Amino acid sequence: MSEIFSQILREASERHEFVLNKLVQDVQELNKQNVNLEKLSGKMESLESALHVSSIKAGSIEAEQRQLRIAIDGLKQELSKPLPHEHHHYIPKVLWIAAGLLLALSVVLACWYNTGQKLNDLRASDIKYRFLHLQHDKALLLWIYKADSLLQARPDSMRDAVSAKEQEQQRRRGLLEEAVRKEADAEELRRRANE
């Protein structure tokens, strides 16, 4: 930056020298021609005062340069200090959106899979029903027609009746298994008693 100011001062002084040289030539010509010496001396005085003012301005420019250097040194010291920083861990909104979409996709795929399984079960039941219909057993056909008419007339009561019968069968099966187990235990105890 001081080079710029030095160059500006140099150019200004060269301009002033050029102007002074021209004035000197003018003075010489005026001396030769002996024309209006008083005008020439007035011009020289005004030029000298302008030169004096410009030299004063050059001094103030140098003072400003010194102040700028001091300010730049202060800024360099501030920049060399380490900046305190905190680490913030956050998940961008895009990741939250992606996770939500993945969850929604998982739910949709699970529902779709379950629907397919139910459809396969219904198809299997339909094939079993049609197979039973094709049998030529009259008693079986009467039972199928009776079950169809009951299901169409009262689907809720038939569902409840089927559930109750299944539970009763399960209870009987459990009792039968328990009786068999107790008989086996009793047989084991008899064998031990006979020994």
N, C-alpha and C. Protein backbone atom coordinates (compact mmCIF):
# COMPACT_ATOMS: atom_id res chain seq x y z
N MET A 1 0.82 -1.18 0.00
CA MET A 1 0.00 0.00 0.00
C MET A 1 0.87 1.25 0.00
N SER A 2 2.01 1.18 0.71
CA SER A 2 2.91 2.33 0.74
C SER A 2 3.51 2.56 -0.63
N GLU A 3 3.65 1.50 -1.42
CA GLU A 3 4.18 1.66 -2.78
C GLU A 3 3.21 2.48 -3.63
N ILE A 4 1.93 2.23 -3.43
CA ILE A 4 0.92 2.98 -4.19
C ILE A 4 1.00 4.46 -3.84
N PHE A 5 1.08 4.73 -2.54
CA PHE A 5 1.15 6.13 -2.14
C PHE A 5 2.46 6.77 -2.61
N SER A 6 3.53 5.99 -2.55
CA SER A 6 4.81 6.52 -3.04
C SER A 6 4.73 6.82 -4.52
N GLN A 7 4.08 5.93 -5.26
CA GLN A 7 3.95 6.13 -6.71
C GLN A 7 3.10 7.37 -6.99
N ILE A 8 2.01 7.52 -6.20
CA ILE A 8 1.15 8.71 -6.38
C ILE A 8 1.95 9.97 -6.11
N LEU A 9 2.75 9.94 -5.03
CA LEU A 9 3.56 11.11 -4.70
C LEU A 9 4.60 11.38 -5.79
N ARG A 10 5.19 10.31 -6.31
CA ARG A 10 6.18 10.46 -7.38
C ARG A 10 5.54 11.10 -8.61
N GLU A 11 4.37 10.56 -8.97
CA GLU A 11 3.69 11.12 -10.16
C GLU A 11 3.32 12.58 -9.94
N ALA A 12 2.85 12.87 -8.71
CA ALA A 12 2.49 14.26 -8.42
C ALA A 12 3.72 15.15 -8.48
N SER A 13 4.83 14.68 -7.93
CA SER A 13 6.04 15.51 -7.97
C SER A 13 6.56 15.64 -9.39
N GLU A 14 6.43 14.55 -10.20
CA GLU A 14 6.86 14.65 -11.61
C GLU A 14 6.00 15.66 -12.36
N ARG A 15 4.69 15.61 -12.07
CA ARG A 15 3.82 16.60 -12.72
C ARG A 15 4.21 18.02 -12.31
N HIS A 16 4.50 18.14 -11.00
CA HIS A 16 4.90 19.47 -10.53
C HIS A 16 6.23 19.90 -11.15
N GLU A 17 7.14 18.95 -11.29
CA GLU A 17 8.41 19.28 -11.93
C GLU A 17 8.19 19.68 -13.38
N PHE A 18 7.31 18.92 -14.04
CA PHE A 18 7.02 19.25 -15.44
C PHE A 18 6.46 20.66 -15.57
N VAL A 19 5.50 20.95 -14.66
CA VAL A 19 4.91 22.30 -14.68
C VAL A 19 5.98 23.35 -14.36
N LEU A 20 6.84 23.06 -13.40
CA LEU A 20 7.89 24.01 -13.05
C LEU A 20 8.87 24.21 -14.21
N ASN A 21 9.22 23.11 -14.87
CA ASN A 21 10.12 23.23 -16.04
C ASN A 21 9.50 24.10 -17.11
N LYS A 22 8.22 23.88 -17.33
CA LYS A 22 7.54 24.69 -18.34
C LYS A 22 7.55 26.16 -17.93
N LEU A 23 7.32 26.37 -16.64
CA LEU A 23 7.32 27.76 -16.16
C LEU A 23 8.70 28.40 -16.30
N VAL A 24 9.71 27.62 -16.02
CA VAL A 24 11.07 28.15 -16.16
C VAL A 24 11.33 28.53 -17.61
N GLN A 25 10.89 27.67 -18.53
CA GLN A 25 11.07 27.98 -19.95
C GLN A 25 10.30 29.26 -20.32
N ASP A 26 9.08 29.34 -19.74
CA ASP A 26 8.30 30.55 -20.01
C ASP A 26 9.01 31.79 -19.48
N VAL A 27 9.60 31.64 -18.29
CA VAL A 27 10.32 32.78 -17.70
C VAL A 27 11.50 33.16 -18.59
N GLN A 28 12.20 32.13 -19.09
CA GLN A 28 13.34 32.42 -19.96
C GLN A 28 12.88 33.13 -21.23
N GLU A 29 11.77 32.64 -21.77
CA GLU A 29 11.26 33.29 -22.98
C GLU A 29 10.83 34.72 -22.68
N LEU A 30 10.21 34.87 -21.51
CA LEU A 30 9.77 36.21 -21.14
C LEU A 30 10.98 37.13 -20.88
N ASN A 31 12.01 36.52 -20.28
CA ASN A 31 13.22 37.32 -20.07
C ASN A 31 13.82 37.74 -21.40
N LYS A 32 13.82 36.79 -22.33
CA LYS A 32 14.37 37.09 -23.64
C LYS A 32 13.55 38.17 -24.31
N GLN A 33 12.29 38.06 -24.20
CA GLN A 33 11.43 39.00 -24.90
C GLN A 33 11.14 40.22 -24.03
N ASN A 34 11.45 40.11 -22.77
CA ASN A 34 11.30 41.21 -21.86
C ASN A 34 9.85 41.70 -21.80
N VAL A 35 8.95 40.70 -21.68
CA VAL A 35 7.53 41.04 -21.71
C VAL A 35 6.95 40.72 -20.34
N ASN A 36 6.33 41.60 -19.80
CA ASN A 36 5.47 41.46 -18.63
C ASN A 36 6.09 40.62 -17.51
N LEU A 37 7.17 41.06 -16.96
CA LEU A 37 7.86 40.36 -15.89
C LEU A 37 7.00 40.24 -14.62
N GLU A 38 6.16 41.16 -14.40
CA GLU A 38 5.35 41.13 -13.17
C GLU A 38 4.33 39.99 -13.20
N LYS A 39 3.76 39.72 -14.40
CA LYS A 39 2.80 38.61 -14.50
C LYS A 39 3.51 37.28 -14.22
N LEU A 40 4.71 37.18 -14.75
CA LEU A 40 5.48 35.96 -14.57
C LEU A 40 5.85 35.74 -13.11
N SER A 41 6.22 36.77 -12.43
CA SER A 41 6.58 36.62 -11.02
C SER A 41 5.34 36.24 -10.19
N GLY A 42 4.17 36.75 -10.57
CA GLY A 42 2.93 36.38 -9.86
C GLY A 42 2.60 34.91 -10.05
N LYS A 43 2.83 34.45 -11.28
CA LYS A 43 2.58 33.02 -11.55
C LYS A 43 3.53 32.15 -10.74
N MET A 44 4.74 32.55 -10.66
CA MET A 44 5.72 31.76 -9.92
C MET A 44 5.36 31.71 -8.44
N GLU A 45 4.91 32.81 -7.89
CA GLU A 45 4.52 32.82 -6.48
C GLU A 45 3.33 31.89 -6.24
N SER A 46 2.35 31.92 -7.16
CA SER A 46 1.19 31.03 -6.98
C SER A 46 1.59 29.56 -7.11
N LEU A 47 2.52 29.29 -8.02
CA LEU A 47 3.00 27.91 -8.16
C LEU A 47 3.76 27.46 -6.93
N GLU A 48 4.53 28.35 -6.37
CA GLU A 48 5.27 28.00 -5.17
C GLU A 48 4.32 27.71 -4.01
N SER A 49 3.25 28.49 -3.90
CA SER A 49 2.29 28.23 -2.81
C SER A 49 1.55 26.90 -3.05
N ALA A 50 1.25 26.59 -4.33
CA ALA A 50 0.60 25.31 -4.64
C ALA A 50 1.53 24.15 -4.32
N LEU A 51 2.81 24.34 -4.63
CA LEU A 51 3.79 23.31 -4.32
C LEU A 51 3.91 23.12 -2.81
N HIS A 52 3.86 24.21 -2.09
CA HIS A 52 3.93 24.14 -0.64
C HIS A 52 2.70 23.40 -0.08
N VAL A 53 1.52 23.69 -0.62
CA VAL A 53 0.28 23.02 -0.18
C VAL A 53 0.35 21.52 -0.50
N SER A 54 0.86 21.18 -1.69
CA SER A 54 0.94 19.76 -2.06
C SER A 54 1.95 19.03 -1.19
N SER A 55 3.02 19.71 -0.77
CA SER A 55 3.98 19.05 0.12
C SER A 55 3.35 18.84 1.50
N ILE A 56 2.49 19.75 1.93
CA ILE A 56 1.78 19.57 3.20
C ILE A 56 0.83 18.37 3.09
N LYS A 57 0.14 18.26 1.93
CA LYS A 57 -0.78 17.13 1.72
C LYS A 57 0.00 15.81 1.68
N ALA A 58 1.19 15.82 1.12
CA ALA A 58 2.01 14.61 1.08
C ALA A 58 2.36 14.17 2.50
N GLY A 59 2.61 15.12 3.39
CA GLY A 59 2.89 14.79 4.79
C GLY A 59 1.67 14.16 5.45
N SER A 60 0.47 14.67 5.15
CA SER A 60 -0.73 14.08 5.76
C SER A 60 -0.98 12.67 5.19
N ILE A 61 -0.63 12.44 3.93
CA ILE A 61 -0.79 11.11 3.33
C ILE A 61 0.13 10.12 4.03
N GLU A 62 1.34 10.54 4.33
CA GLU A 62 2.27 9.66 5.04
C GLU A 62 1.73 9.32 6.44
N ALA A 63 1.12 10.30 7.11
CA ALA A 63 0.54 10.05 8.43
C ALA A 63 -0.61 9.04 8.33
N GLU A 64 -1.42 9.17 7.29
CA GLU A 64 -2.52 8.22 7.08
C GLU A 64 -1.98 6.83 6.79
N GLN A 65 -0.87 6.76 6.06
CA GLN A 65 -0.25 5.47 5.77
C GLN A 65 0.19 4.79 7.07
N ARG A 66 0.77 5.56 7.97
CA ARG A 66 1.20 5.00 9.25
C ARG A 66 0.00 4.47 10.04
N GLN A 67 -1.09 5.24 10.04
CA GLN A 67 -2.29 4.80 10.76
C GLN A 67 -2.86 3.52 10.14
N LEU A 68 -2.84 3.44 8.81
CA LEU A 68 -3.33 2.24 8.14
C LEU A 68 -2.47 1.03 8.48
N ARG A 69 -1.15 1.22 8.53
CA ARG A 69 -0.26 0.11 8.90
C ARG A 69 -0.57 -0.39 10.31
N ILE A 70 -0.80 0.53 11.23
CA ILE A 70 -1.13 0.15 12.61
C ILE A 70 -2.45 -0.63 12.63
N ALA A 71 -3.45 -0.14 11.88
CA ALA A 71 -4.75 -0.83 11.84
C ALA A 71 -4.62 -2.22 11.22
N ILE A 72 -3.82 -2.35 10.17
CA ILE A 72 -3.62 -3.66 9.52
C ILE A 72 -2.93 -4.62 10.47
N ASP A 73 -1.92 -4.14 11.21
CA ASP A 73 -1.25 -5.00 12.18
C ASP A 73 -2.23 -5.48 13.26
N GLY A 74 -3.11 -4.60 13.72
CA GLY A 74 -4.12 -4.98 14.71
C GLY A 74 -5.07 -6.04 14.16
N LEU A 75 -5.50 -5.87 12.90
CA LEU A 75 -6.39 -6.86 12.28
C LEU A 75 -5.70 -8.20 12.10
N LYS A 76 -4.41 -8.16 11.75
CA LYS A 76 -3.67 -9.42 11.60
C LYS A 76 -3.60 -10.16 12.93
N GLN A 77 -3.40 -9.41 14.02
CA GLN A 77 -3.37 -10.05 15.34
C GLN A 77 -4.72 -10.66 15.68
N GLU A 78 -5.81 -9.96 15.35
CA GLU A 78 -7.15 -10.49 15.62
C GLU A 78 -7.40 -11.76 14.80
N LEU A 79 -6.94 -11.76 13.56
CA LEU A 79 -7.16 -12.93 12.70
C LEU A 79 -6.33 -14.12 13.13
N SER A 80 -5.18 -13.88 13.76
CA SER A 80 -4.33 -14.99 14.18
C SER A 80 -4.87 -15.69 15.43
N LYS A 81 -5.79 -15.06 16.16
CA LYS A 81 -6.37 -15.69 17.34
C LYS A 81 -7.29 -16.83 16.90
N PRO A 82 -7.29 -17.96 17.64
CA PRO A 82 -8.19 -19.06 17.27
C PRO A 82 -9.64 -18.69 17.59
N LEU A 83 -10.53 -19.11 16.72
CA LEU A 83 -11.95 -18.83 16.91
C LEU A 83 -12.58 -19.95 17.73
N PRO A 84 -13.33 -19.60 18.78
CA PRO A 84 -14.02 -20.66 19.53
C PRO A 84 -15.18 -21.20 18.68
N HIS A 85 -15.33 -22.51 18.68
CA HIS A 85 -16.44 -23.09 17.93
C HIS A 85 -17.01 -24.28 18.69
N GLU A 86 -18.29 -24.48 18.50
CA GLU A 86 -18.99 -25.57 19.16
C GLU A 86 -19.42 -26.57 18.10
N HIS A 87 -19.38 -27.83 18.47
CA HIS A 87 -19.82 -28.88 17.55
C HIS A 87 -21.30 -29.15 17.81
N HIS A 88 -22.09 -28.97 16.79
CA HIS A 88 -23.52 -29.26 16.88
C HIS A 88 -23.80 -30.51 16.05
N HIS A 89 -24.38 -31.48 16.68
CA HIS A 89 -24.75 -32.70 15.95
C HIS A 89 -26.26 -32.66 15.73
N TYR A 90 -26.64 -32.67 14.51
CA TYR A 90 -28.06 -32.66 14.20
C TYR A 90 -28.29 -33.52 12.96
N ILE A 91 -29.50 -34.00 12.87
CA ILE A 91 -29.86 -34.82 11.72
C ILE A 91 -30.65 -33.92 10.77
N PRO A 92 -30.21 -33.82 9.55
CA PRO A 92 -30.93 -32.96 8.61
C PRO A 92 -32.36 -33.45 8.39
N LYS A 93 -33.21 -32.52 8.00
CA LYS A 93 -34.62 -32.84 7.77
C LYS A 93 -34.78 -33.88 6.68
N VAL A 94 -33.87 -33.89 5.75
CA VAL A 94 -33.97 -34.86 4.64
C VAL A 94 -33.89 -36.28 5.18
N LEU A 95 -33.03 -36.51 6.18
CA LEU A 95 -32.93 -37.85 6.76
C LEU A 95 -34.21 -38.23 7.50
N TRP A 96 -34.83 -37.27 8.20
CA TRP A 96 -36.09 -37.55 8.88
C TRP A 96 -37.16 -37.92 7.86
N ILE A 97 -37.20 -37.17 6.77
CA ILE A 97 -38.19 -37.45 5.73
C ILE A 97 -37.94 -38.82 5.12
N ALA A 98 -36.67 -39.13 4.85
CA ALA A 98 -36.34 -40.44 4.27
C ALA A 98 -36.72 -41.57 5.23
N ALA A 99 -36.46 -41.39 6.53
CA ALA A 99 -36.82 -42.42 7.51
C ALA A 99 -38.34 -42.61 7.56
N GLY A 100 -39.08 -41.50 7.52
CA GLY A 100 -40.54 -41.59 7.52
C GLY A 100 -41.07 -42.31 6.28
N LEU A 101 -40.50 -41.99 5.14
CA LEU A 101 -40.92 -42.66 3.91
C LEU A 101 -40.57 -44.14 3.94
N LEU A 102 -39.42 -44.48 4.49
CA LEU A 102 -39.03 -45.89 4.60
C LEU A 102 -39.99 -46.64 5.52
N LEU A 103 -40.37 -46.00 6.62
CA LEU A 103 -41.32 -46.62 7.54
C LEU A 103 -42.67 -46.81 6.87
N ALA A 104 -43.14 -45.78 6.15
CA ALA A 104 -44.42 -45.89 5.45
C ALA A 104 -44.36 -46.99 4.39
N LEU A 105 -43.26 -47.07 3.68
CA LEU A 105 -43.11 -48.12 2.66
C LEU A 105 -43.13 -49.50 3.31
N SER A 106 -42.48 -49.63 4.47
CA SER A 106 -42.47 -50.92 5.18
C SER A 106 -43.88 -51.33 5.59
N VAL A 107 -44.65 -50.37 6.09
CA VAL A 107 -46.03 -50.68 6.51
C VAL A 107 -46.86 -51.10 5.30
N VAL A 108 -46.72 -50.36 4.20
CA VAL A 108 -47.48 -50.69 2.99
C VAL A 108 -47.11 -52.08 2.48
N LEU A 109 -45.82 -52.40 2.46
CA LEU A 109 -45.40 -53.72 1.98
C LEU A 109 -45.89 -54.83 2.90
N ALA A 110 -45.88 -54.61 4.21
CA ALA A 110 -46.37 -55.62 5.15
C ALA A 110 -47.86 -55.87 4.94
N CYS A 111 -48.63 -54.78 4.78
CA CYS A 111 -50.07 -54.93 4.52
C CYS A 111 -50.31 -55.65 3.20
N TRP A 112 -49.54 -55.32 2.22
CA TRP A 112 -49.69 -55.96 0.91
C TRP A 112 -49.40 -57.46 1.01
N TYR A 113 -48.36 -57.81 1.74
CA TYR A 113 -48.00 -59.23 1.92
C TYR A 113 -49.12 -59.97 2.65
N ASN A 114 -49.66 -59.36 3.74
CA ASN A 114 -50.74 -60.01 4.49
C ASN A 114 -51.99 -60.18 3.63
N THR A 115 -52.29 -59.20 2.81
CA THR A 115 -53.44 -59.32 1.91
C THR A 115 -53.23 -60.48 0.94
N GLY A 116 -52.03 -60.62 0.44
CA GLY A 116 -51.73 -61.74 -0.46
C GLY A 116 -51.88 -63.08 0.25
N GLN A 117 -51.45 -63.15 1.51
CA GLN A 117 -51.59 -64.39 2.28
C GLN A 117 -53.07 -64.73 2.48
N LYS A 118 -53.88 -63.72 2.83
CA LYS A 118 -55.31 -63.97 3.03
C LYS A 118 -55.96 -64.43 1.73
N LEU A 119 -55.54 -63.83 0.63
CA LEU A 119 -56.08 -64.23 -0.66
C LEU A 119 -55.72 -65.68 -0.97
N ASN A 120 -54.49 -66.07 -0.67
CA ASN A 120 -54.09 -67.47 -0.88
C ASN A 120 -54.90 -68.41 0.00
N ASP A 121 -55.16 -68.01 1.26
CA ASP A 121 -55.97 -68.84 2.15
C ASP A 121 -57.40 -68.98 1.61
N LEU A 122 -57.96 -67.88 1.12
CA LEU A 122 -59.31 -67.93 0.57
C LEU A 122 -59.37 -68.82 -0.66
N ARG A 123 -58.37 -68.74 -1.50
CA ARG A 123 -58.34 -69.60 -2.70
C ARG A 123 -58.25 -71.07 -2.29
N ALA A 124 -57.41 -71.36 -1.29
CA ALA A 124 -57.29 -72.75 -0.82
C ALA A 124 -58.61 -73.25 -0.25
N SER A 125 -59.29 -72.40 0.53
CA SER A 125 -60.58 -72.80 1.09
C SER A 125 -61.61 -73.01 -0.02
N ASP A 126 -61.57 -72.17 -1.04
CA ASP A 126 -62.49 -72.32 -2.16
C ASP A 126 -62.27 -73.65 -2.88
N ILE A 127 -61.01 -74.00 -3.08
CA ILE A 127 -60.70 -75.28 -3.76
C ILE A 127 -61.17 -76.45 -2.90
N LYS A 128 -60.96 -76.37 -1.58
CA LYS A 128 -61.42 -77.45 -0.69
C LYS A 128 -62.95 -77.58 -0.75
N TYR A 129 -63.63 -76.44 -0.70
CA TYR A 129 -65.09 -76.44 -0.75
C TYR A 129 -65.59 -77.04 -2.05
N ARG A 130 -64.97 -76.64 -3.17
CA ARG A 130 -65.37 -77.18 -4.48
C ARG A 130 -65.07 -78.68 -4.56
N PHE A 131 -63.97 -79.12 -3.95
CA PHE A 131 -63.64 -80.55 -3.94
C PHE A 131 -64.71 -81.35 -3.18
N LEU A 132 -65.12 -80.81 -2.02
CA LEU A 132 -66.16 -81.50 -1.25
C LEU A 132 -67.48 -81.54 -2.01
N HIS A 133 -67.76 -80.49 -2.76
CA HIS A 133 -68.98 -80.44 -3.58
C HIS A 133 -68.96 -81.51 -4.66
N LEU A 134 -67.81 -81.82 -5.16
CA LEU A 134 -67.70 -82.80 -6.24
C LEU A 134 -67.84 -84.24 -5.75
N GLN A 135 -67.77 -84.46 -4.43
CA GLN A 135 -67.93 -85.81 -3.89
C GLN A 135 -69.38 -86.26 -4.04
N HIS A 136 -69.59 -87.51 -4.24
CA HIS A 136 -70.95 -88.02 -4.49
C HIS A 136 -71.60 -88.56 -3.22
N ASP A 137 -71.08 -88.16 -2.09
CA ASP A 137 -71.67 -88.59 -0.82
C ASP A 137 -72.84 -87.67 -0.50
N LYS A 138 -74.08 -88.24 -0.43
CA LYS A 138 -75.28 -87.43 -0.23
C LYS A 138 -75.33 -86.81 1.16
N ALA A 139 -74.87 -87.54 2.15
CA ALA A 139 -74.89 -87.00 3.52
C ALA A 139 -73.96 -85.79 3.62
N LEU A 140 -72.79 -85.89 2.98
CA LEU A 140 -71.84 -84.77 2.99
C LEU A 140 -72.42 -83.56 2.26
N LEU A 141 -73.07 -83.80 1.11
CA LEU A 141 -73.69 -82.70 0.36
C LEU A 141 -74.79 -82.03 1.17
N LEU A 142 -75.59 -82.84 1.90
CA LEU A 142 -76.64 -82.25 2.75
C LEU A 142 -76.02 -81.35 3.82
N TRP A 143 -74.91 -81.82 4.43
CA TRP A 143 -74.24 -81.00 5.43
C TRP A 143 -73.69 -79.70 4.82
N ILE A 144 -73.15 -79.78 3.62
CA ILE A 144 -72.62 -78.58 2.95
C ILE A 144 -73.75 -77.60 2.68
N TYR A 145 -74.89 -78.08 2.16
CA TYR A 145 -76.02 -77.19 1.86
C TYR A 145 -76.58 -76.57 3.13
N LYS A 146 -76.63 -77.39 4.21
CA LYS A 146 -77.12 -76.88 5.48
C LYS A 146 -76.18 -75.78 6.00
N ALA A 147 -74.87 -76.02 5.91
CA ALA A 147 -73.90 -75.02 6.38
C ALA A 147 -74.00 -73.75 5.54
N ASP A 148 -74.18 -73.89 4.22
CA ASP A 148 -74.34 -72.70 3.36
C ASP A 148 -75.57 -71.90 3.75
N SER A 149 -76.69 -72.59 3.97
CA SER A 149 -77.93 -71.87 4.30
C SER A 149 -77.81 -71.20 5.67
N LEU A 150 -77.18 -71.87 6.65
CA LEU A 150 -76.99 -71.25 7.96
C LEU A 150 -76.07 -70.03 7.87
N LEU A 151 -75.02 -70.15 7.08
CA LEU A 151 -74.07 -69.03 6.95
C LEU A 151 -74.74 -67.83 6.29
N GLN A 152 -75.59 -68.09 5.29
CA GLN A 152 -76.26 -66.97 4.62
C GLN A 152 -77.33 -66.36 5.50
N ALA A 153 -78.00 -67.18 6.29
CA ALA A 153 -79.09 -66.67 7.13
C ALA A 153 -78.56 -65.89 8.33
N ARG A 154 -77.60 -66.49 9.07
CA ARG A 154 -77.09 -65.85 10.29
C ARG A 154 -75.58 -66.06 10.37
N PRO A 155 -74.79 -65.20 9.71
CA PRO A 155 -73.34 -65.42 9.70
C PRO A 155 -72.70 -65.26 11.09
N ASP A 156 -73.21 -64.32 11.90
CA ASP A 156 -72.61 -64.09 13.22
C ASP A 156 -72.85 -65.27 14.16
N SER A 157 -74.08 -65.77 14.18
CA SER A 157 -74.38 -66.88 15.10
C SER A 157 -73.64 -68.14 14.67
N MET A 158 -73.46 -68.34 13.36
CA MET A 158 -72.72 -69.52 12.90
C MET A 158 -71.25 -69.40 13.32
N ARG A 159 -70.68 -68.19 13.19
CA ARG A 159 -69.30 -67.99 13.60
C ARG A 159 -69.14 -68.28 15.09
N ASP A 160 -70.09 -67.80 15.90
CA ASP A 160 -70.03 -68.04 17.34
C ASP A 160 -70.18 -69.53 17.65
N ALA A 161 -71.09 -70.21 16.95
CA ALA A 161 -71.30 -71.64 17.18
C ALA A 161 -70.05 -72.44 16.82
N VAL A 162 -69.41 -72.09 15.70
CA VAL A 162 -68.20 -72.79 15.29
C VAL A 162 -67.10 -72.57 16.32
N SER A 163 -66.94 -71.34 16.80
CA SER A 163 -65.91 -71.05 17.81
C SER A 163 -66.17 -71.84 19.09
N ALA A 164 -67.46 -71.91 19.51
CA ALA A 164 -67.80 -72.64 20.73
C ALA A 164 -67.50 -74.13 20.57
N LYS A 165 -67.84 -74.70 19.41
CA LYS A 165 -67.57 -76.13 19.18
C LYS A 165 -66.07 -76.40 19.15
N GLU A 166 -65.30 -75.51 18.53
CA GLU A 166 -63.85 -75.70 18.49
C GLU A 166 -63.26 -75.66 19.89
N GLN A 167 -63.74 -74.73 20.71
CA GLN A 167 -63.25 -74.64 22.09
C GLN A 167 -63.62 -75.90 22.88
N GLU A 168 -64.83 -76.40 22.67
CA GLU A 168 -65.27 -77.61 23.36
C GLU A 168 -64.41 -78.80 22.94
N GLN A 169 -64.12 -78.92 21.64
CA GLN A 169 -63.27 -80.01 21.16
C GLN A 169 -61.87 -79.90 21.76
N GLN A 170 -61.37 -78.70 21.81
CA GLN A 170 -60.03 -78.50 22.38
C GLN A 170 -60.02 -78.90 23.85
N ARG A 171 -61.09 -78.54 24.58
CA ARG A 171 -61.18 -78.89 26.01
C ARG A 171 -61.23 -80.41 26.17
N ARG A 172 -62.03 -81.09 25.34
CA ARG A 172 -62.13 -82.55 25.41
C ARG A 172 -60.79 -83.21 25.08
N ARG A 173 -60.11 -82.67 24.06
CA ARG A 173 -58.80 -83.21 23.69
C ARG A 173 -57.82 -83.07 24.85
N GLY A 174 -57.87 -81.90 25.52
CA GLY A 174 -56.99 -81.69 26.68
C GLY A 174 -57.30 -82.67 27.80
N LEU A 175 -58.62 -82.88 28.07
CA LEU A 175 -59.01 -83.82 29.12
C LEU A 175 -58.58 -85.24 28.76
N LEU A 176 -58.75 -85.61 27.49
CA LEU A 176 -58.36 -86.94 27.05
C LEU A 176 -56.85 -87.15 27.20
N GLU A 177 -56.08 -86.13 26.80
CA GLU A 177 -54.62 -86.23 26.94
C GLU A 177 -54.23 -86.34 28.42
N GLU A 178 -54.94 -85.59 29.26
CA GLU A 178 -54.64 -85.66 30.69
C GLU A 178 -54.99 -87.04 31.26
N ALA A 179 -56.12 -87.63 30.80
CA ALA A 179 -56.52 -88.96 31.27
C ALA A 179 -55.50 -90.00 30.83
N VAL A 180 -55.03 -89.90 29.58
CA VAL A 180 -54.02 -90.84 29.09
C VAL A 180 -52.74 -90.71 29.91
N ARG A 181 -52.36 -89.48 30.19
CA ARG A 181 -51.14 -89.26 30.97
C ARG A 181 -51.29 -89.83 32.39
N LYS A 182 -52.48 -89.62 32.99
CA LYS A 182 -52.70 -90.13 34.35
C LYS A 182 -52.74 -91.66 34.37
N GLU A 183 -53.32 -92.25 33.32
CA GLU A 183 -53.33 -93.72 33.24
C GLU A 183 -51.90 -94.25 33.11
N ALA A 184 -51.09 -93.56 32.33
CA ALA A 184 -49.69 -93.98 32.19
C ALA A 184 -48.97 -93.85 33.53
N ASP A 185 -49.26 -92.76 34.27
CA ASP A 185 -48.65 -92.59 35.59
C ASP A 185 -49.11 -93.69 36.54
N ALA A 186 -50.43 -94.01 36.49
CA ALA A 186 -50.97 -95.06 37.36
C ALA A 186 -50.34 -96.41 37.01
N GLU A 187 -50.20 -96.69 35.73
CA GLU A 187 -49.57 -97.93 35.29
C GLU A 187 -48.14 -98.00 35.79
N GLU A 188 -47.44 -96.88 35.74
CA GLU A 188 -46.05 -96.82 36.22
C GLU A 188 -46.01 -97.09 37.72
N LEU A 189 -46.96 -96.51 38.47
CA LEU A 189 -47.01 -96.71 39.92
C LEU A 189 -47.33 -98.18 40.25
N ARG A 190 -48.23 -98.81 39.49
CA ARG A 190 -48.56 -100.23 39.71
C ARG A 190 -47.33 -101.10 39.48
N ARG A 191 -46.62 -100.82 38.41
CA ARG A 191 -45.42 -101.60 38.10
C ARG A 191 -44.40 -101.46 39.23
N ARG A 192 -44.24 -100.26 39.75
CA ARG A 192 -43.29 -100.06 40.85
C ARG A 192 -43.76 -100.79 42.11
N ALA A 193 -45.08 -100.75 42.32
CA ALA A 193 -45.62 -101.41 43.51
C ALA A 193 -45.44 -102.93 43.42
N ASN A 194 -45.53 -103.49 42.25
CA ASN A 194 -45.36 -104.93 42.07
C ASN A 194 -43.90 -105.34 42.19
N GLU A 195 -43.01 -104.52 42.03
CA GLU A 195 -41.58 -104.88 42.10
C GLU A 195 -41.10 -105.03 43.48
